[in-house]
N, C-alpha and C. Protein backbone atom coordinates (compact mmCIF):
# COMPACT_ATOMS: atom_id res chain seq x y z
N MET A 1 -12.64 -19.94 13.33
CA MET A 1 -12.03 -20.92 14.29
C MET A 1 -12.81 -22.16 14.23
N GLU A 2 -12.08 -23.24 14.36
CA GLU A 2 -12.65 -24.40 14.30
C GLU A 2 -13.51 -24.78 15.53
N GLN A 3 -14.83 -25.22 15.41
CA GLN A 3 -15.74 -25.44 16.40
C GLN A 3 -15.95 -26.93 16.78
N SER A 4 -15.52 -27.75 16.00
CA SER A 4 -15.45 -29.21 16.22
C SER A 4 -14.55 -29.55 17.41
N ILE A 5 -15.10 -30.19 18.47
CA ILE A 5 -14.17 -30.67 19.62
C ILE A 5 -12.95 -31.46 19.13
N LEU A 6 -13.26 -32.37 18.27
CA LEU A 6 -12.28 -33.32 17.83
C LEU A 6 -11.31 -32.62 16.84
N LYS A 7 -11.78 -32.09 16.00
CA LYS A 7 -10.85 -31.30 15.16
C LYS A 7 -9.93 -30.25 15.60
N SER A 8 -10.45 -29.66 16.58
CA SER A 8 -9.73 -28.52 17.32
C SER A 8 -8.72 -29.00 18.11
N THR A 9 -9.08 -30.12 18.79
CA THR A 9 -8.03 -30.87 19.57
C THR A 9 -7.01 -31.51 18.83
N LYS A 10 -7.42 -32.02 17.76
CA LYS A 10 -6.33 -32.70 16.84
C LYS A 10 -5.40 -31.53 16.27
N LYS A 11 -5.98 -30.39 15.98
CA LYS A 11 -5.17 -29.28 15.44
C LYS A 11 -4.04 -28.98 16.50
N ILE A 12 -4.43 -28.61 17.70
CA ILE A 12 -3.51 -28.36 18.56
C ILE A 12 -2.45 -29.39 19.06
N LEU A 13 -2.96 -30.62 18.77
CA LEU A 13 -1.89 -31.72 19.06
C LEU A 13 -1.03 -31.89 17.86
N GLY A 14 -1.31 -31.20 16.66
CA GLY A 14 -0.48 -30.93 15.48
C GLY A 14 -0.82 -32.14 14.55
N LEU A 15 -2.14 -32.69 14.65
CA LEU A 15 -2.56 -33.70 13.70
C LEU A 15 -3.44 -33.07 12.75
N ASP A 16 -3.38 -33.39 11.56
CA ASP A 16 -4.42 -32.91 10.42
C ASP A 16 -5.73 -33.39 10.69
N ALA A 17 -6.72 -32.54 10.47
CA ALA A 17 -8.16 -32.93 10.72
C ALA A 17 -8.52 -34.08 9.89
N GLU A 18 -7.90 -34.16 8.70
CA GLU A 18 -8.29 -35.23 7.78
C GLU A 18 -7.55 -36.60 8.11
N TYR A 19 -6.60 -36.44 8.88
CA TYR A 19 -5.83 -37.71 9.28
C TYR A 19 -6.44 -38.39 10.39
N THR A 20 -7.07 -39.53 10.22
CA THR A 20 -7.90 -40.22 11.08
C THR A 20 -7.45 -41.38 11.92
N PRO A 21 -6.14 -41.95 11.62
CA PRO A 21 -5.81 -43.17 12.40
C PRO A 21 -5.80 -43.12 13.94
N PHE A 22 -5.70 -41.88 14.50
CA PHE A 22 -5.56 -41.81 15.86
C PHE A 22 -6.95 -41.21 16.38
N ASP A 23 -7.97 -41.15 15.69
CA ASP A 23 -9.20 -40.39 16.17
C ASP A 23 -9.74 -41.19 17.27
N LEU A 24 -9.73 -42.47 17.30
CA LEU A 24 -10.13 -43.21 18.53
C LEU A 24 -9.43 -42.83 19.77
N ASP A 25 -8.04 -42.89 19.68
CA ASP A 25 -7.35 -42.48 20.93
C ASP A 25 -7.71 -41.07 21.36
N VAL A 26 -7.67 -40.09 20.42
CA VAL A 26 -7.94 -38.77 20.80
C VAL A 26 -9.41 -38.70 21.40
N ILE A 27 -10.44 -39.22 20.75
CA ILE A 27 -11.71 -39.27 21.23
C ILE A 27 -11.79 -39.82 22.69
N THR A 28 -11.14 -40.97 22.84
CA THR A 28 -11.11 -41.50 24.25
C THR A 28 -10.48 -40.61 25.29
N HIS A 29 -9.56 -39.90 24.94
CA HIS A 29 -8.87 -39.01 25.87
C HIS A 29 -9.77 -37.75 26.10
N ILE A 30 -10.49 -37.31 25.13
CA ILE A 30 -11.27 -36.19 25.18
C ILE A 30 -12.31 -36.65 26.15
N ASN A 31 -12.89 -37.78 25.98
CA ASN A 31 -14.10 -38.19 26.83
C ASN A 31 -13.66 -38.33 28.28
N ALA A 32 -12.44 -38.66 28.56
CA ALA A 32 -11.84 -38.94 29.79
C ALA A 32 -11.76 -37.56 30.51
N ALA A 33 -11.30 -36.62 29.73
CA ALA A 33 -11.15 -35.32 30.31
C ALA A 33 -12.52 -34.75 30.55
N PHE A 34 -13.60 -34.91 29.82
CA PHE A 34 -15.10 -34.55 30.30
C PHE A 34 -15.56 -35.31 31.36
N SER A 35 -15.06 -36.46 31.55
CA SER A 35 -15.49 -37.29 32.65
C SER A 35 -15.05 -36.61 34.01
N VAL A 36 -13.67 -36.24 33.93
CA VAL A 36 -13.21 -35.48 35.14
C VAL A 36 -13.88 -34.20 35.38
N LEU A 37 -14.22 -33.48 34.38
CA LEU A 37 -14.85 -32.19 34.44
C LEU A 37 -16.34 -32.52 35.14
N ASP A 38 -16.98 -33.54 34.67
CA ASP A 38 -18.28 -33.93 35.35
C ASP A 38 -18.09 -34.24 36.75
N GLN A 39 -17.13 -34.88 37.02
CA GLN A 39 -16.74 -35.20 38.47
C GLN A 39 -16.59 -33.92 39.23
N LEU A 40 -16.15 -32.90 38.54
CA LEU A 40 -15.88 -31.64 39.31
C LEU A 40 -17.16 -30.80 39.41
N GLY A 41 -18.22 -31.41 38.73
CA GLY A 41 -19.63 -30.80 38.77
C GLY A 41 -19.81 -29.70 37.83
N LEU A 42 -18.94 -29.80 36.63
CA LEU A 42 -19.07 -28.84 35.73
C LEU A 42 -20.07 -29.10 34.55
N ASP A 43 -20.69 -30.17 34.64
CA ASP A 43 -21.54 -30.62 33.66
C ASP A 43 -23.04 -30.72 34.24
N PRO A 44 -23.88 -29.80 34.10
CA PRO A 44 -25.13 -29.87 34.77
C PRO A 44 -26.10 -30.80 34.13
N ALA A 45 -25.64 -31.37 32.73
CA ALA A 45 -26.43 -32.22 32.18
C ALA A 45 -26.28 -33.74 32.62
N GLY A 46 -25.01 -33.80 33.42
CA GLY A 46 -24.81 -35.09 33.99
C GLY A 46 -24.06 -36.07 33.09
N GLY A 47 -23.27 -35.62 32.43
CA GLY A 47 -22.33 -36.37 31.35
C GLY A 47 -22.29 -35.85 30.06
N PHE A 48 -21.08 -35.89 29.47
CA PHE A 48 -20.89 -35.26 28.19
C PHE A 48 -19.81 -36.04 27.45
N SER A 49 -20.05 -36.41 26.16
CA SER A 49 -19.08 -37.11 25.50
C SER A 49 -19.23 -36.85 24.00
N ILE A 50 -18.31 -37.19 23.16
CA ILE A 50 -18.14 -37.08 21.84
C ILE A 50 -18.04 -38.50 21.27
N GLU A 51 -18.40 -38.61 19.88
CA GLU A 51 -18.31 -39.94 19.22
C GLU A 51 -17.50 -39.59 17.90
N ASP A 52 -17.54 -38.33 17.48
CA ASP A 52 -16.84 -38.07 16.14
C ASP A 52 -16.66 -36.61 16.03
N ALA A 53 -16.42 -36.16 14.79
CA ALA A 53 -15.95 -34.64 14.70
C ALA A 53 -17.31 -33.71 14.59
N THR A 54 -18.50 -34.40 14.79
CA THR A 54 -19.65 -33.50 14.45
C THR A 54 -20.02 -32.68 15.84
N THR A 55 -19.40 -33.01 16.98
CA THR A 55 -19.86 -32.34 18.21
C THR A 55 -18.90 -31.03 18.39
N ASP A 56 -19.76 -30.04 18.54
CA ASP A 56 -19.00 -28.71 18.63
C ASP A 56 -18.91 -28.21 20.11
N TRP A 57 -17.96 -27.25 20.44
CA TRP A 57 -17.83 -26.79 21.67
C TRP A 57 -18.94 -25.92 22.18
N SER A 58 -19.76 -25.45 21.33
CA SER A 58 -20.84 -24.68 21.61
C SER A 58 -21.90 -25.75 22.33
N GLU A 59 -21.79 -27.02 22.17
CA GLU A 59 -22.72 -28.01 22.67
C GLU A 59 -22.42 -28.20 24.26
N TYR A 60 -21.34 -27.97 24.64
CA TYR A 60 -20.82 -28.10 25.98
C TYR A 60 -21.48 -27.14 27.03
N PRO A 61 -22.18 -27.61 27.93
CA PRO A 61 -23.16 -26.56 28.75
C PRO A 61 -22.27 -25.95 29.77
N VAL A 62 -21.42 -25.05 29.39
CA VAL A 62 -20.85 -24.00 30.41
C VAL A 62 -20.94 -22.63 29.91
N SER A 63 -20.68 -21.55 30.60
CA SER A 63 -20.64 -20.17 30.25
C SER A 63 -19.45 -19.99 29.22
N PRO A 64 -19.54 -19.08 28.48
CA PRO A 64 -18.42 -18.63 27.56
C PRO A 64 -17.18 -18.55 28.34
N SER A 65 -17.11 -17.88 29.37
CA SER A 65 -15.81 -17.77 30.13
C SER A 65 -15.35 -18.99 30.50
N GLN A 66 -16.15 -19.80 31.01
CA GLN A 66 -15.59 -21.20 31.46
C GLN A 66 -15.14 -22.03 30.24
N LEU A 67 -15.96 -21.87 29.06
CA LEU A 67 -15.62 -22.67 28.02
C LEU A 67 -14.18 -22.38 27.50
N ASN A 68 -13.60 -21.24 27.61
CA ASN A 68 -12.12 -21.02 27.30
C ASN A 68 -11.34 -21.87 28.09
N LEU A 69 -11.52 -21.87 29.45
CA LEU A 69 -10.83 -22.76 30.27
C LEU A 69 -10.82 -24.23 30.07
N VAL A 70 -12.20 -24.63 29.67
CA VAL A 70 -12.48 -26.00 29.32
C VAL A 70 -11.73 -26.53 28.11
N LYS A 71 -11.67 -25.63 27.15
CA LYS A 71 -10.95 -26.02 25.89
C LYS A 71 -9.35 -26.23 26.19
N THR A 72 -8.88 -25.48 26.88
CA THR A 72 -7.45 -25.46 27.15
C THR A 72 -7.24 -26.73 28.18
N TYR A 73 -8.07 -26.95 29.17
CA TYR A 73 -8.02 -28.23 30.03
C TYR A 73 -8.05 -29.45 29.24
N VAL A 74 -9.14 -29.56 28.32
CA VAL A 74 -9.23 -30.67 27.49
C VAL A 74 -8.02 -30.93 26.77
N TYR A 75 -7.39 -30.06 26.18
CA TYR A 75 -6.25 -30.10 25.24
C TYR A 75 -5.07 -30.65 26.13
N LEU A 76 -4.82 -29.92 27.45
CA LEU A 76 -3.90 -30.38 28.21
C LEU A 76 -3.88 -32.02 28.69
N LYS A 77 -5.17 -32.26 29.05
CA LYS A 77 -5.37 -33.64 29.43
C LYS A 77 -5.26 -34.57 28.44
N VAL A 78 -5.68 -34.28 27.11
CA VAL A 78 -5.40 -35.21 25.99
C VAL A 78 -3.97 -35.25 25.49
N ARG A 79 -3.27 -34.05 25.71
CA ARG A 79 -1.83 -34.03 25.42
C ARG A 79 -1.05 -34.97 26.30
N MET A 80 -1.40 -34.82 27.51
CA MET A 80 -0.62 -35.64 28.58
C MET A 80 -0.90 -37.20 28.29
N ALA A 81 -2.07 -37.49 27.99
CA ALA A 81 -2.44 -39.04 27.89
C ALA A 81 -2.04 -39.34 26.46
N PHE A 82 -1.94 -38.69 25.42
CA PHE A 82 -1.71 -39.07 24.05
C PHE A 82 -0.35 -38.89 23.61
N ASP A 83 0.26 -37.66 23.84
CA ASP A 83 1.54 -37.47 23.50
C ASP A 83 2.33 -36.58 24.61
N PRO A 84 2.69 -37.22 25.73
CA PRO A 84 3.29 -36.44 26.73
C PRO A 84 4.62 -35.76 26.32
N PRO A 85 4.98 -34.68 26.94
CA PRO A 85 6.25 -34.15 26.64
C PRO A 85 7.44 -34.95 27.09
N THR A 86 8.59 -34.88 26.51
CA THR A 86 9.65 -35.74 26.81
C THR A 86 10.31 -35.39 28.11
N PHE A 87 10.54 -34.03 28.42
CA PHE A 87 11.26 -33.59 29.53
C PHE A 87 10.42 -33.42 30.77
N SER A 88 10.97 -33.89 31.96
CA SER A 88 10.26 -33.80 33.12
C SER A 88 9.77 -32.56 33.60
N PHE A 89 10.35 -31.41 33.16
CA PHE A 89 10.10 -30.09 33.73
C PHE A 89 8.91 -29.62 32.71
N HIS A 90 8.68 -30.08 31.66
CA HIS A 90 7.50 -29.77 30.78
C HIS A 90 6.30 -30.66 31.22
N ILE A 91 6.59 -31.76 31.63
CA ILE A 91 5.46 -32.65 32.29
C ILE A 91 4.84 -31.95 33.43
N ASP A 92 5.84 -31.48 34.34
CA ASP A 92 5.51 -30.82 35.55
C ASP A 92 4.67 -29.44 35.35
N ALA A 93 5.14 -28.81 34.43
CA ALA A 93 4.49 -27.54 34.05
C ALA A 93 2.98 -27.90 33.58
N ALA A 94 2.93 -28.77 32.62
CA ALA A 94 1.60 -29.21 32.27
C ALA A 94 0.69 -29.64 33.34
N ASN A 95 1.21 -30.45 34.14
CA ASN A 95 0.33 -31.02 35.31
C ASN A 95 0.10 -29.78 36.25
N GLU A 96 0.99 -28.81 36.38
CA GLU A 96 0.48 -27.65 37.26
C GLU A 96 -0.60 -27.02 36.59
N GLN A 97 -0.54 -26.69 35.26
CA GLN A 97 -1.61 -25.97 34.66
C GLN A 97 -2.91 -26.73 34.70
N ILE A 98 -2.84 -28.09 34.56
CA ILE A 98 -4.11 -28.96 34.76
C ILE A 98 -4.69 -28.67 36.05
N LYS A 99 -3.87 -28.59 37.16
CA LYS A 99 -4.37 -28.55 38.50
C LYS A 99 -4.91 -27.01 38.63
N GLU A 100 -4.29 -26.09 38.09
CA GLU A 100 -4.77 -24.73 38.13
C GLU A 100 -6.08 -24.48 37.45
N TYR A 101 -6.25 -25.20 36.47
CA TYR A 101 -7.61 -25.11 35.59
C TYR A 101 -8.73 -25.80 36.39
N GLU A 102 -8.44 -26.94 36.99
CA GLU A 102 -9.23 -27.73 37.80
C GLU A 102 -9.72 -26.83 39.03
N TRP A 103 -8.69 -26.14 39.71
CA TRP A 103 -9.05 -25.37 40.68
C TRP A 103 -9.96 -24.23 40.31
N ARG A 104 -9.58 -23.51 39.11
CA ARG A 104 -10.38 -22.35 38.70
C ARG A 104 -11.78 -22.81 38.19
N LEU A 105 -11.86 -23.78 37.56
CA LEU A 105 -13.19 -24.23 37.03
C LEU A 105 -14.16 -24.61 38.23
N ASN A 106 -13.57 -25.26 39.28
CA ASN A 106 -14.30 -25.64 40.48
C ASN A 106 -14.66 -24.44 41.13
N ALA A 107 -13.74 -23.48 41.29
CA ALA A 107 -14.11 -22.18 41.96
C ALA A 107 -15.20 -21.34 41.25
N ALA A 108 -15.17 -21.42 39.90
CA ALA A 108 -16.21 -20.74 39.29
C ALA A 108 -17.61 -21.46 39.39
N ARG A 109 -17.61 -22.82 39.45
CA ARG A 109 -18.74 -23.58 39.58
C ARG A 109 -19.40 -23.25 40.98
N GLU A 110 -18.59 -23.15 42.03
CA GLU A 110 -18.90 -22.71 43.32
C GLU A 110 -19.53 -21.38 43.38
N VAL A 111 -18.96 -20.51 42.74
CA VAL A 111 -19.59 -19.06 42.55
C VAL A 111 -20.96 -19.13 42.07
N ALA A 112 -21.00 -19.92 40.98
CA ALA A 112 -22.29 -19.94 40.25
C ALA A 112 -23.44 -20.44 41.20
N LEU A 113 -23.10 -21.60 41.96
CA LEU A 113 -23.87 -22.20 42.82
C LEU A 113 -24.49 -21.32 44.00
N GLU A 114 -23.49 -20.41 44.43
CA GLU A 114 -23.83 -19.47 45.37
C GLU A 114 -24.89 -18.32 44.90
N GLU A 115 -24.78 -18.11 43.55
CA GLU A 115 -25.70 -17.00 42.98
C GLU A 115 -27.10 -17.55 42.82
N VAL A 116 -27.15 -18.99 42.64
CA VAL A 116 -28.55 -19.53 42.51
C VAL A 116 -29.44 -19.35 43.75
N PRO A 117 -30.62 -18.81 43.66
CA PRO A 117 -31.38 -18.71 44.76
C PRO A 117 -31.93 -20.03 45.41
């Protein structure tokens, strides 16, 4: 499985990893999604961003169970900014998924904070 944040996001978007004309766009949207996650309190390091295809998912400082949600969340946010669906019901469904993931990630963060002595 691809570990590069940029390459795996491009793959899910339907872009070939070697096709680079849209890399700046995709990176910008990925970093915007990470900024939202930081505002939700999910980045204990105080900010995370990528510059190219060398940054891997394993570098994002969350638990493995949260990382699965983060990956899908980042993809959805990038998809909605880079190549949104044509039909409004698809847009609504994606936005609902985004809201659910934000809620779940925030809830997991709150539980983790309660466990810290």
